[in-house]
Amino acid sequence: MSDEISSNNDIAHSRDADAHGQAALLLVESLIHGLIENQVLSVVDVIEIVDVATEVKIETDTVRGDAPATVQTTIKLLQDISASLRFDVGGPAQRLTPI
């Protein structure tokens, strides 16, 4: 019985973590678009910021001990955001490293 409760708690925690991540991503994307619209940052500046974040994630994934699937998903999301921004400025929609 306690294993079942523990399993249910793990599932609930996983859903909560996903909801937190989705909310955080939505807020950051909204902030980025607001900064671009108000000409605080250029699209090129944001591309550089996202690319640096991607590089940091690639370099630190083993140090933090994150699950490989989580690391790959995080990197892909960042690369997709960068590719989308590159499309906005007419540049090639390329990734830093293949997944």
Protein backbone atom coordinates (compact mmCIF):
# COMPACT_ATOMS: atom_id res chain seq x y z
CA MET A 1 0.00 0.00 0.00
CA SER A 2 2.78 2.48 0.85
CA ASP A 3 4.46 1.76 -2.49
CA GLU A 4 1.23 2.69 -4.25
CA ILE A 5 0.99 5.96 -2.30
CA SER A 6 4.64 6.74 -3.06
CA SER A 7 4.05 6.04 -6.76
CA ASN A 8 1.00 8.32 -6.81
CA ASN A 9 3.00 11.06 -5.07
CA ASP A 10 5.77 10.71 -7.67
CA ILE A 11 3.24 11.06 -10.51
CA ALA A 12 1.63 14.11 -8.88
CA HIS A 13 5.06 15.69 -8.30
CA SER A 14 6.00 15.05 -11.95
CA ARG A 15 2.81 16.78 -13.14
CA ASP A 16 3.42 19.73 -10.79
CA ALA A 17 7.00 20.06 -12.02
CA ASP A 18 5.78 20.01 -15.62
CA ALA A 19 3.18 22.69 -14.84
CA HIS A 20 5.85 24.84 -13.18
CA GLY A 21 8.13 24.42 -16.18
CA GLN A 22 5.37 25.29 -18.63
CA ALA A 23 4.41 28.38 -16.64
CA ALA A 24 8.05 29.47 -16.42
CA LEU A 25 8.59 28.97 -20.14
CA LEU A 26 5.44 30.91 -21.01
CA LEU A 27 6.46 33.80 -18.77
CA VAL A 28 9.99 33.94 -20.19
CA GLU A 29 8.75 33.80 -23.77
CA SER A 30 6.27 36.59 -23.04
CA LEU A 31 9.02 38.65 -21.42
CA ILE A 32 11.30 38.11 -24.40
CA HIS A 33 8.61 39.21 -26.86
CA GLY A 34 7.86 42.26 -24.71
CA LEU A 35 11.53 43.23 -24.59
CA ILE A 36 11.81 42.87 -28.37
CA GLU A 37 8.59 44.85 -28.98
CA ASN A 38 9.80 47.65 -26.69
CA GLN A 39 13.19 47.59 -28.43
CA VAL A 40 15.05 46.81 -25.21
CA LEU A 41 16.59 43.76 -26.89
CA SER A 42 16.93 42.94 -30.54
CA VAL A 43 16.05 39.54 -31.96
CA VAL A 44 19.77 39.01 -32.56
CA ASP A 45 20.46 39.74 -28.86
CA VAL A 46 17.83 37.21 -27.81
CA ILE A 47 19.23 34.59 -30.21
CA GLU A 48 22.64 35.04 -28.59
CA ILE A 49 21.13 34.73 -25.09
CA VAL A 50 19.27 31.53 -26.02
CA ASP A 51 22.36 30.07 -27.71
CA VAL A 52 24.48 30.79 -24.62
CA ALA A 53 21.85 29.12 -22.43
CA THR A 54 21.96 26.10 -24.74
CA GLU A 55 25.75 25.93 -24.57
CA VAL A 56 25.65 26.14 -20.77
CA LYS A 57 23.10 23.32 -20.63
CA ILE A 58 25.21 21.17 -22.94
CA GLU A 59 28.34 21.81 -20.85
CA THR A 60 26.71 21.30 -17.44
CA ASP A 61 24.32 18.41 -18.06
CA THR A 62 26.64 15.80 -16.59
CA VAL A 63 27.60 17.92 -13.58
CA ARG A 64 24.01 18.46 -12.46
CA GLY A 65 23.06 14.80 -12.79
CA ASP A 66 19.90 15.45 -14.78
CA ALA A 67 18.29 12.49 -16.51
CA PRO A 68 19.54 12.17 -20.11
CA ALA A 69 16.00 12.43 -21.52
CA THR A 70 15.43 15.66 -19.58
CA VAL A 71 18.72 17.10 -20.80
CA GLN A 72 17.95 16.25 -24.42
CA THR A 73 14.43 17.70 -24.18
CA THR A 74 15.74 20.90 -22.60
CA ILE A 75 18.41 21.31 -25.28
CA LYS A 76 15.89 20.64 -28.06
CA LEU A 77 13.46 23.24 -26.66
CA LEU A 78 16.20 25.86 -26.48
CA GLN A 79 17.40 25.00 -29.99
CA ASP A 80 13.84 25.21 -31.35
CA ILE A 81 13.41 28.65 -29.77
CA SER A 82 16.70 29.80 -31.31
CA ALA A 83 15.73 28.38 -34.72
CA SER A 84 12.38 30.15 -34.57
CA LEU A 85 14.05 33.46 -33.74
CA ARG A 86 16.58 32.96 -36.56
CA PHE A 87 13.65 32.48 -38.93
CA ASP A 88 12.27 35.85 -37.74
CA VAL A 89 15.47 37.63 -38.82
CA GLY A 90 15.76 35.71 -42.08
CA GLY A 91 18.75 33.64 -41.01
CA PRO A 92 19.22 29.92 -41.22
CA ALA A 93 17.17 27.96 -38.72
CA GLN A 94 20.07 25.85 -37.51
CA ARG A 95 20.90 24.12 -34.26
CA LEU A 96 24.16 24.34 -32.35
CA THR A 97 24.51 20.58 -32.15
CA PRO A 98 22.43 17.76 -33.54
CA ILE A 99 20.32 15.72 -31.16
